[in-house]
Amino acid sequence: MPLDELVKKLNRKLQGYYRYYGITDNSASLNKFRDCVKRRLYKTLNRRSQRKSFNWEEFYKLSKVYKIQNYKIYVNIFELRQEISYIL
């Protein structure tokens, strides 16, 4: 699979994950998950050939060209309290 297509699909998956888990006070976990995805992508790209394709410096240069989506907080649970005060 070409690299641009791989990163495009990965970003779609990450966007769905961030939309589901992107709530207030979950940013540390989202950041940790993003770092794990980056490490996994690095390992996957190095398995594409018989020899090591990338080192970390080259991977960071590549990640500036093919940007991996950053997390975003989509739901602020503190603003929802007024709307659903009958539940709380």
PDB file of N, CA and C in Angstrom:
ATOM      1  N   MET A   1       0.852  -1.174   0.000  1.00  0.00           N
ATOM      2  CA  MET A   1       0.000   0.000   0.000  1.00  0.00           C
ATOM      3  C   MET A   1       0.900   1.241   0.000  1.00  0.00           C
ATOM      4  N   PRO A   2       0.630   2.198  -0.842  1.00  0.00           N
ATOM      5  CA  PRO A   2       1.421   3.432  -0.841  1.00  0.00           C
ATOM      6  C   PRO A   2       1.312   4.164   0.493  1.00  0.00           C
ATOM      7  N   LEU A   3       2.356   4.875   0.837  1.00  0.00           N
ATOM      8  CA  LEU A   3       2.432   5.520   2.141  1.00  0.00           C
ATOM      9  C   LEU A   3       1.354   6.583   2.327  1.00  0.00           C
ATOM     10  N   ASP A   4       1.078   7.363   1.298  1.00  0.00           N
ATOM     11  CA  ASP A   4       0.057   8.405   1.449  1.00  0.00           C
ATOM     12  C   ASP A   4      -1.327   7.802   1.692  1.00  0.00           C
ATOM     13  N   GLU A   5      -1.624   6.680   1.064  1.00  0.00           N
ATOM     14  CA  GLU A   5      -2.897   6.001   1.288  1.00  0.00           C
ATOM     15  C   GLU A   5      -2.954   5.394   2.694  1.00  0.00           C
ATOM     16  N   LEU A   6      -1.830   4.854   3.148  1.00  0.00           N
ATOM     17  CA  LEU A   6      -1.753   4.275   4.491  1.00  0.00           C
ATOM     18  C   LEU A   6      -2.006   5.333   5.551  1.00  0.00           C
ATOM     19  N   VAL A   7      -1.367   6.490   5.412  1.00  0.00           N
ATOM     20  CA  VAL A   7      -1.535   7.558   6.401  1.00  0.00           C
ATOM     21  C   VAL A   7      -2.947   8.123   6.338  1.00  0.00           C
ATOM     22  N   LYS A   8      -3.522   8.195   5.154  1.00  0.00           N
ATOM     23  CA  LYS A   8      -4.894   8.690   5.021  1.00  0.00           C
ATOM     24  C   LYS A   8      -5.878   7.773   5.749  1.00  0.00           C
ATOM     25  N   LYS A   9      -5.724   6.464   5.582  1.00  0.00           N
ATOM     26  CA  LYS A   9      -6.596   5.511   6.280  1.00  0.00           C
ATOM     27  C   LYS A   9      -6.357   5.545   7.787  1.00  0.00           C
ATOM     28  N   LEU A  10      -5.096   5.663   8.177  1.00  0.00           N
ATOM     29  CA  LEU A  10      -4.765   5.734   9.601  1.00  0.00           C
ATOM     30  C   LEU A  10      -5.401   6.967  10.241  1.00  0.00           C
ATOM     31  N   ASN A  11      -5.355   8.098   9.551  1.00  0.00           N
ATOM     32  CA  ASN A  11      -5.948   9.318  10.089  1.00  0.00           C
ATOM     33  C   ASN A  11      -7.457   9.202  10.230  1.00  0.00           C
ATOM     34  N   ARG A  12      -8.110   8.490   9.319  1.00  0.00           N
ATOM     35  CA  ARG A  12      -9.554   8.276   9.438  1.00  0.00           C
ATOM     36  C   ARG A  12      -9.871   7.433  10.680  1.00  0.00           C
ATOM     37  N   LYS A  13      -9.059   6.412  10.916  1.00  0.00           N
ATOM     38  CA  LYS A  13      -9.256   5.565  12.095  1.00  0.00           C
ATOM     39  C   LYS A  13      -9.021   6.368  13.379  1.00  0.00           C
ATOM     40  N   LEU A  14      -7.965   7.183  13.360  1.00  0.00           N
ATOM     41  CA  LEU A  14      -7.672   8.000  14.533  1.00  0.00           C
ATOM     42  C   LEU A  14      -8.763   9.029  14.789  1.00  0.00           C
ATOM     43  N   GLN A  15      -9.311   9.591  13.738  1.00  0.00           N
ATOM     44  CA  GLN A  15     -10.376  10.566  13.897  1.00  0.00           C
ATOM     45  C   GLN A  15     -11.584   9.934  14.586  1.00  0.00           C
ATOM     46  N   GLY A  16     -11.935   8.731  14.195  1.00  0.00           N
ATOM     47  CA  GLY A  16     -13.039   8.034  14.848  1.00  0.00           C
ATOM     48  C   GLY A  16     -12.738   7.727  16.303  1.00  0.00           C
ATOM     49  N   TYR A  17     -11.522   7.313  16.583  1.00  0.00           N
ATOM     50  CA  TYR A  17     -11.122   7.020  17.960  1.00  0.00           C
ATOM     51  C   TYR A  17     -11.177   8.293  18.809  1.00  0.00           C
ATOM     52  N   TYR A  18     -10.656   9.397  18.261  1.00  0.00           N
ATOM     53  CA  TYR A  18     -10.652  10.654  19.013  1.00  0.00           C
ATOM     54  C   TYR A  18     -12.059  11.186  19.222  1.00  0.00           C
ATOM     55  N   ARG A  19     -12.936  10.986  18.267  1.00  0.00           N
ATOM     56  CA  ARG A  19     -14.320  11.441  18.441  1.00  0.00           C
ATOM     57  C   ARG A  19     -15.040  10.632  19.527  1.00  0.00           C
ATOM     58  N   TYR A  20     -14.707   9.367  19.651  1.00  0.00           N
ATOM     59  CA  TYR A  20     -15.360   8.529  20.657  1.00  0.00           C
ATOM     60  C   TYR A  20     -14.788   8.788  22.052  1.00  0.00           C
ATOM     61  N   TYR A  21     -13.478   8.858  22.152  1.00  0.00           N
ATOM     62  CA  TYR A  21     -12.834   8.989  23.459  1.00  0.00           C
ATOM     63  C   TYR A  21     -12.415  10.417  23.792  1.00  0.00           C
ATOM     64  N   GLY A  22     -12.684  11.378  22.907  1.00  0.00           N
ATOM     65  CA  GLY A  22     -12.251  12.759  23.124  1.00  0.00           C
ATOM     66  C   GLY A  22     -13.159  13.524  24.046  1.00  0.00           C
ATOM     67  N   ILE A  23     -13.085  13.232  25.343  1.00  0.00           N
ATOM     68  CA  ILE A  23     -13.873  13.951  26.333  1.00  0.00           C
ATOM     69  C   ILE A  23     -12.918  14.644  27.297  1.00  0.00           C
ATOM     70  N   THR A  24     -13.469  15.500  28.108  1.00  0.00           N
ATOM     71  CA  THR A  24     -12.676  16.264  29.064  1.00  0.00           C
ATOM     72  C   THR A  24     -11.871  15.334  29.971  1.00  0.00           C
ATOM     73  N   ASP A  25     -10.662  15.740  30.307  1.00  0.00           N
ATOM     74  CA  ASP A  25      -9.746  15.022  31.201  1.00  0.00           C
ATOM     75  C   ASP A  25      -9.241  13.702  30.637  1.00  0.00           C
ATOM     76  N   ASN A  26      -9.371  13.472  29.344  1.00  0.00           N
ATOM     77  CA  ASN A  26      -8.865  12.253  28.736  1.00  0.00           C
ATOM     78  C   ASN A  26      -7.696  12.542  27.798  1.00  0.00           C
ATOM     79  N   SER A  27      -7.167  13.755  27.849  1.00  0.00           N
ATOM     80  CA  SER A  27      -6.123  14.142  26.903  1.00  0.00           C
ATOM     81  C   SER A  27      -4.817  13.378  27.133  1.00  0.00           C
ATOM     82  N   ALA A  28      -4.502  13.029  28.358  1.00  0.00           N
ATOM     83  CA  ALA A  28      -3.267  12.275  28.615  1.00  0.00           C
ATOM     84  C   ALA A  28      -3.337  10.888  27.972  1.00  0.00           C
ATOM     85  N   SER A  29      -4.482  10.252  28.081  1.00  0.00           N
ATOM     86  CA  SER A  29      -4.650   8.930  27.470  1.00  0.00           C
ATOM     87  C   SER A  29      -4.643   9.015  25.951  1.00  0.00           C
ATOM     88  N   LEU A  30      -5.243  10.062  25.397  1.00  0.00           N
ATOM     89  CA  LEU A  30      -5.245  10.233  23.944  1.00  0.00           C
ATOM     90  C   LEU A  30      -3.837  10.495  23.423  1.00  0.00           C
ATOM     91  N   ASN A  31      -3.072  11.269  24.160  1.00  0.00           N
ATOM     92  CA  ASN A  31      -1.686  11.539  23.768  1.00  0.00           C
ATOM     93  C   ASN A  31      -0.850  10.266  23.824  1.00  0.00           C
ATOM     94  N   LYS A  32      -1.056   9.470  24.853  1.00  0.00           N
ATOM     95  CA  LYS A  32      -0.341   8.198  24.986  1.00  0.00           C
ATOM     96  C   LYS A  32      -0.711   7.243  23.856  1.00  0.00           C
ATOM     97  N   PHE A  33      -1.999   7.205  23.509  1.00  0.00           N
ATOM     98  CA  PHE A  33      -2.449   6.363  22.407  1.00  0.00           C
ATOM     99  C   PHE A  33      -1.819   6.810  21.090  1.00  0.00           C
ATOM    100  N   ARG A  34      -1.764   8.108  20.865  1.00  0.00           N
ATOM    101  CA  ARG A  34      -1.158   8.640  19.638  1.00  0.00           C
ATOM    102  C   ARG A  34       0.314   8.265  19.551  1.00  0.00           C
ATOM    103  N   ASP A  35       1.033   8.330  20.661  1.00  0.00           N
ATOM    104  CA  ASP A  35       2.441   7.932  20.677  1.00  0.00           C
ATOM    105  C   ASP A  35       2.597   6.444  20.370  1.00  0.00           C
ATOM    106  N   CYS A  36       1.701   5.621  20.899  1.00  0.00           N
ATOM    107  CA  CYS A  36       1.738   4.186  20.598  1.00  0.00           C
ATOM    108  C   CYS A  36       1.482   3.921  19.114  1.00  0.00           C
ATOM    109  N   VAL A  37       0.560   4.668  18.532  1.00  0.00           N
ATOM    110  CA  VAL A  37       0.274   4.518  17.102  1.00  0.00           C
ATOM    111  C   VAL A  37       1.498   4.908  16.278  1.00  0.00           C
ATOM    112  N   LYS A  38       2.178   5.981  16.682  1.00  0.00           N
ATOM    113  CA  LYS A  38       3.390   6.402  15.964  1.00  0.00           C
ATOM    114  C   LYS A  38       4.475   5.323  16.035  1.00  0.00           C
ATOM    115  N   ARG A  39       4.663   4.752  17.224  1.00  0.00           N
ATOM    116  CA  ARG A  39       5.667   3.690  17.362  1.00  0.00           C
ATOM    117  C   ARG A  39       5.301   2.478  16.513  1.00  0.00           C
ATOM    118  N   ARG A  40       4.015   2.143  16.473  1.00  0.00           N
ATOM    119  CA  ARG A  40       3.565   1.002  15.675  1.00  0.00           C
ATOM    120  C   ARG A  40       3.736   1.272  14.179  1.00  0.00           C
ATOM    121  N   LEU A  41       3.477   2.498  13.765  1.00  0.00           N
ATOM    122  CA  LEU A  41       3.675   2.862  12.364  1.00  0.00           C
ATOM    123  C   LEU A  41       5.151   2.779  11.996  1.00  0.00           C
ATOM    124  N   TYR A  42       6.013   3.211  12.894  1.00  0.00           N
ATOM    125  CA  TYR A  42       7.458   3.121  12.675  1.00  0.00           C
ATOM    126  C   TYR A  42       7.877   1.665  12.480  1.00  0.00           C
ATOM    127  N   LYS A  43       7.400   0.787  13.341  1.00  0.00           N
ATOM    128  CA  LYS A  43       7.732  -0.638  13.222  1.00  0.00           C
ATOM    129  C   LYS A  43       7.178  -1.236  11.932  1.00  0.00           C
ATOM    130  N   THR A  44       5.955  -0.836  11.582  1.00  0.00           N
ATOM    131  CA  THR A  44       5.334  -1.358  10.363  1.00  0.00           C
ATOM    132  C   THR A  44       6.097  -0.915   9.125  1.00  0.00           C
ATOM    133  N   LEU A  45       6.501   0.327   9.095  1.00  0.00           N
ATOM    134  CA  LEU A  45       7.246   0.821   7.936  1.00  0.00           C
ATOM    135  C   LEU A  45       8.619   0.177   7.836  1.00  0.00           C
ATOM    136  N   ASN A  46       9.204  -0.192   8.948  1.00  0.00           N
ATOM    137  CA  ASN A  46      10.506  -0.861   8.915  1.00  0.00           C
ATOM    138  C   ASN A  46      10.396  -2.323   8.487  1.00  0.00           C
ATOM    139  N   ARG A  47       9.229  -2.880   8.520  1.00  0.00           N
ATOM    140  CA  ARG A  47       9.045  -4.270   8.092  1.00  0.00           C
ATOM    141  C   ARG A  47       8.774  -4.398   6.603  1.00  0.00           C
ATOM    142  N   ARG A  48       8.729  -3.295   5.912  1.00  0.00           N
ATOM    143  CA  ARG A  48       8.381  -3.330   4.498  1.00  0.00           C
ATOM    144  C   ARG A  48       9.482  -3.906   3.626  1.00  0.00           C
ATOM    145  N   SER A  49      10.684  -3.917   4.101  1.00  0.00           N
ATOM    146  CA  SER A  49      11.781  -4.460   3.292  1.00  0.00           C
ATOM    147  C   SER A  49      12.632  -5.384   4.150  1.00  0.00           C
ATOM    148  N   GLN A  50      13.656  -5.965   3.546  1.00  0.00           N
ATOM    149  CA  GLN A  50      14.533  -6.894   4.256  1.00  0.00           C
ATOM    150  C   GLN A  50      15.457  -6.179   5.234  1.00  0.00           C
ATOM    151  N   ARG A  51      15.722  -4.928   4.960  1.00  0.00           N
ATOM    152  CA  ARG A  51      16.607  -4.181   5.855  1.00  0.00           C
ATOM    153  C   ARG A  51      15.804  -3.084   6.543  1.00  0.00           C
ATOM    154  N   LYS A  52      16.411  -2.447   7.508  1.00  0.00           N
ATOM    155  CA  LYS A  52      15.736  -1.393   8.245  1.00  0.00           C
ATOM    156  C   LYS A  52      15.576  -0.173   7.335  1.00  0.00           C
ATOM    157  N   SER A  53      14.344   0.238   7.100  1.00  0.00           N
ATOM    158  CA  SER A  53      14.069   1.326   6.165  1.00  0.00           C
ATOM    159  C   SER A  53      14.273   2.701   6.792  1.00  0.00           C
ATOM    160  N   PHE A  54      13.914   2.835   8.049  1.00  0.00           N
ATOM    161  CA  PHE A  54      13.931   4.134   8.713  1.00  0.00           C
ATOM    162  C   PHE A  54      14.670   4.059  10.032  1.00  0.00           C
ATOM    163  N   ASN A  55      15.274   5.170  10.399  1.00  0.00           N
ATOM    164  CA  ASN A  55      15.639   5.378  11.790  1.00  0.00           C
ATOM    165  C   ASN A  55      14.700   6.467  12.310  1.00  0.00           C
ATOM    166  N   TRP A  56      14.798   6.800  13.580  1.00  0.00           N
ATOM    167  CA  TRP A  56      13.826   7.735  14.149  1.00  0.00           C
ATOM    168  C   TRP A  56      13.948   9.122  13.553  1.00  0.00           C
ATOM    169  N   GLU A  57      15.133   9.570  13.209  1.00  0.00           N
ATOM    170  CA  GLU A  57      15.299  10.896  12.607  1.00  0.00           C
ATOM    171  C   GLU A  57      14.602  10.968  11.256  1.00  0.00           C
ATOM    172  N   GLU A  58      14.777   9.943  10.447  1.00  0.00           N
ATOM    173  CA  GLU A  58      14.118   9.905   9.141  1.00  0.00           C
ATOM    174  C   GLU A  58      12.606   9.787   9.291  1.00  0.00           C
ATOM    175  N   PHE A  59      12.182   9.056  10.305  1.00  0.00           N
ATOM    176  CA  PHE A  59      10.751   8.926  10.549  1.00  0.00           C
ATOM    177  C   PHE A  59      10.138  10.262  10.928  1.00  0.00           C
ATOM    178  N   TYR A  60      10.827  11.061  11.747  1.00  0.00           N
ATOM    179  CA  TYR A  60      10.311  12.379  12.114  1.00  0.00           C
ATOM    180  C   TYR A  60      10.257  13.304  10.902  1.00  0.00           C
ATOM    181  N   LYS A  61      11.243  13.209  10.019  1.00  0.00           N
ATOM    182  CA  LYS A  61      11.202  13.996   8.781  1.00  0.00           C
ATOM    183  C   LYS A  61      10.014  13.576   7.931  1.00  0.00           C
ATOM    184  N   LEU A  62       9.790  12.288   7.857  1.00  0.00           N
ATOM    185  CA  LEU A  62       8.666  11.769   7.080  1.00  0.00           C
ATOM    186  C   LEU A  62       7.331  12.173   7.700  1.00  0.00           C
ATOM    187  N   SER A  63       7.279  12.211   9.028  1.00  0.00           N
ATOM    188  CA  SER A  63       6.022  12.556   9.696  1.00  0.00           C
ATOM    189  C   SER A  63       5.684  14.035   9.541  1.00  0.00           C
ATOM    190  N   LYS A  64       6.651  14.852   9.179  1.00  0.00           N
ATOM    191  CA  LYS A  64       6.337  16.255   8.886  1.00  0.00           C
ATOM    192  C   LYS A  64       5.657  16.380   7.531  1.00  0.00           C
ATOM    193  N   VAL A  65       5.975  15.474   6.619  1.00  0.00           N
ATOM    194  CA  VAL A  65       5.338  15.485   5.298  1.00  0.00           C
ATOM    195  C   VAL A  65       3.965  14.835   5.380  1.00  0.00           C
ATOM    196  N   TYR A  66       3.907  13.645   5.968  1.00  0.00           N
ATOM    197  CA  TYR A  66       2.652  12.919   6.146  1.00  0.00           C
ATOM    198  C   TYR A  66       2.217  13.082   7.587  1.00  0.00           C
ATOM    199  N   LYS A  67       1.391  14.058   7.844  1.00  0.00           N
ATOM    200  CA  LYS A  67       1.007  14.385   9.215  1.00  0.00           C
ATOM    201  C   LYS A  67       0.007  13.363   9.767  1.00  0.00           C
ATOM    202  N   ILE A  68       0.295  12.902  10.966  1.00  0.00           N
ATOM    203  CA  ILE A  68      -0.625  12.032  11.689  1.00  0.00           C
ATOM    204  C   ILE A  68      -1.525  12.930  12.521  1.00  0.00           C
ATOM    205  N   GLN A  69      -2.807  12.665  12.444  1.00  0.00           N
ATOM    206  CA  GLN A  69      -3.793  13.529  13.067  1.00  0.00           C
ATOM    207  C   GLN A  69      -3.595  13.622  14.572  1.00  0.00           C
ATOM    208  N   ASN A  70      -3.699  14.840  15.078  1.00  0.00           N
ATOM    209  CA  ASN A  70      -3.587  15.075  16.507  1.00  0.00           C
ATOM    210  C   ASN A  70      -4.961  14.951  17.154  1.00  0.00           C
ATOM    211  N   TYR A  71      -4.986  14.685  18.451  1.00  0.00           N
ATOM    212  CA  TYR A  71      -6.264  14.507  19.129  1.00  0.00           C
ATOM    213  C   TYR A  71      -6.915  15.855  19.404  1.00  0.00           C
ATOM    214  N   LYS A  72      -8.211  15.802  19.630  1.00  0.00           N
ATOM    215  CA  LYS A  72      -8.999  16.981  19.942  1.00  0.00           C
ATOM    216  C   LYS A  72     -10.075  16.568  20.933  1.00  0.00           C
ATOM    217  N   ILE A  73     -10.376  17.442  21.878  1.00  0.00           N
ATOM    218  CA  ILE A  73     -11.435  17.192  22.839  1.00  0.00           C
ATOM    219  C   ILE A  73     -12.752  17.636  22.198  1.00  0.00           C
ATOM    220  N   TYR A  74     -13.656  16.690  21.983  1.00  0.00           N
ATOM    221  CA  TYR A  74     -14.919  16.975  21.307  1.00  0.00           C
ATOM    222  C   TYR A  74     -16.057  17.232  22.275  1.00  0.00           C
ATOM    223  N   VAL A  75     -16.012  16.633  23.462  1.00  0.00           N
ATOM    224  CA  VAL A  75     -17.109  16.775  24.420  1.00  0.00           C
ATOM    225  C   VAL A  75     -16.551  17.290  25.735  1.00  0.00           C
ATOM    226  N   ASN A  76     -17.087  18.406  26.180  1.00  0.00           N
ATOM    227  CA  ASN A  76     -16.719  18.963  27.472  1.00  0.00           C
ATOM    228  C   ASN A  76     -17.811  18.551  28.459  1.00  0.00           C
ATOM    229  N   ILE A  77     -17.486  17.624  29.350  1.00  0.00           N
ATOM    230  CA  ILE A  77     -18.511  17.101  30.261  1.00  0.00           C
ATOM    231  C   ILE A  77     -18.959  18.136  31.290  1.00  0.00           C
ATOM    232  N   PHE A  78     -18.162  19.164  31.512  1.00  0.00           N
ATOM    233  CA  PHE A  78     -18.546  20.181  32.480  1.00  0.00           C
ATOM    234  C   PHE A  78     -19.619  21.112  31.915  1.00  0.00           C
ATOM    235  N   GLU A  79     -19.640  21.291  30.593  1.00  0.00           N
ATOM    236  CA  GLU A  79     -20.688  22.100  29.973  1.00  0.00           C
ATOM    237  C   GLU A  79     -21.991  21.316  29.866  1.00  0.00           C
ATOM    238  N   LEU A  80     -21.938  20.007  29.847  1.00  0.00           N
ATOM    239  CA  LEU A  80     -23.135  19.184  29.726  1.00  0.00           C
ATOM    240  C   LEU A  80     -23.924  19.097  31.022  1.00  0.00           C
ATOM    241  N   ARG A  81     -23.315  19.388  32.117  1.00  0.00           N
ATOM    242  CA  ARG A  81     -23.994  19.244  33.415  1.00  0.00           C
ATOM    243  C   ARG A  81     -25.267  20.059  33.494  1.00  0.00           C
ATOM    244  N   GLN A  82     -25.265  21.241  32.951  1.00  0.00           N
ATOM    245  CA  GLN A  82     -26.459  22.091  33.007  1.00  0.00           C
ATOM    246  C   GLN A  82     -27.587  21.482  32.172  1.00  0.00           C
ATOM    247  N   GLU A  83     -27.226  20.881  31.056  1.00  0.00           N
ATOM    248  CA  GLU A  83     -28.235  20.316  30.165  1.00  0.00           C
ATOM    249  C   GLU A  83     -28.834  19.017  30.723  1.00  0.00           C
ATOM    250  N   ILE A  84     -28.031  18.236  31.432  1.00  0.00           N
ATOM    251  CA  ILE A  84     -28.515  16.943  31.932  1.00  0.00           C
ATOM    252  C   ILE A  84     -28.517  16.929  33.456  1.00  0.00           C
ATOM    253  N   SER A  85     -28.844  18.040  34.059  1.00  0.00           N
ATOM    254  CA  SER A  85     -28.814  18.139  35.525  1.00  0.00           C
ATOM    255  C   SER A  85     -29.832  17.202  36.169  1.00  0.00           C
ATOM    256  N   TYR A  86     -30.865  16.811  35.442  1.00  0.00           N
ATOM    257  CA  TYR A  86     -31.856  15.899  36.013  1.00  0.00           C
ATOM    258  C   TYR A  86     -31.269  14.503  36.214  1.00  0.00           C
ATOM    259  N   ILE A  87     -30.210  14.153  35.498  1.00  0.00           N
ATOM    260  CA  ILE A  87     -29.557  12.846  35.672  1.00  0.00           C
ATOM    261  C   ILE A  87     -28.601  12.875  36.851  1.00  0.00           C
ATOM    262  N   LEU A  88     -27.880  13.964  36.995  1.00  0.00           N
ATOM    263  CA  LEU A  88     -26.890  14.082  38.054  1.00  0.00           C
ATOM    264  C   LEU A  88     -27.591  14.434  39.334  1.00  0.00           C
TER     265      LEU A  88
END
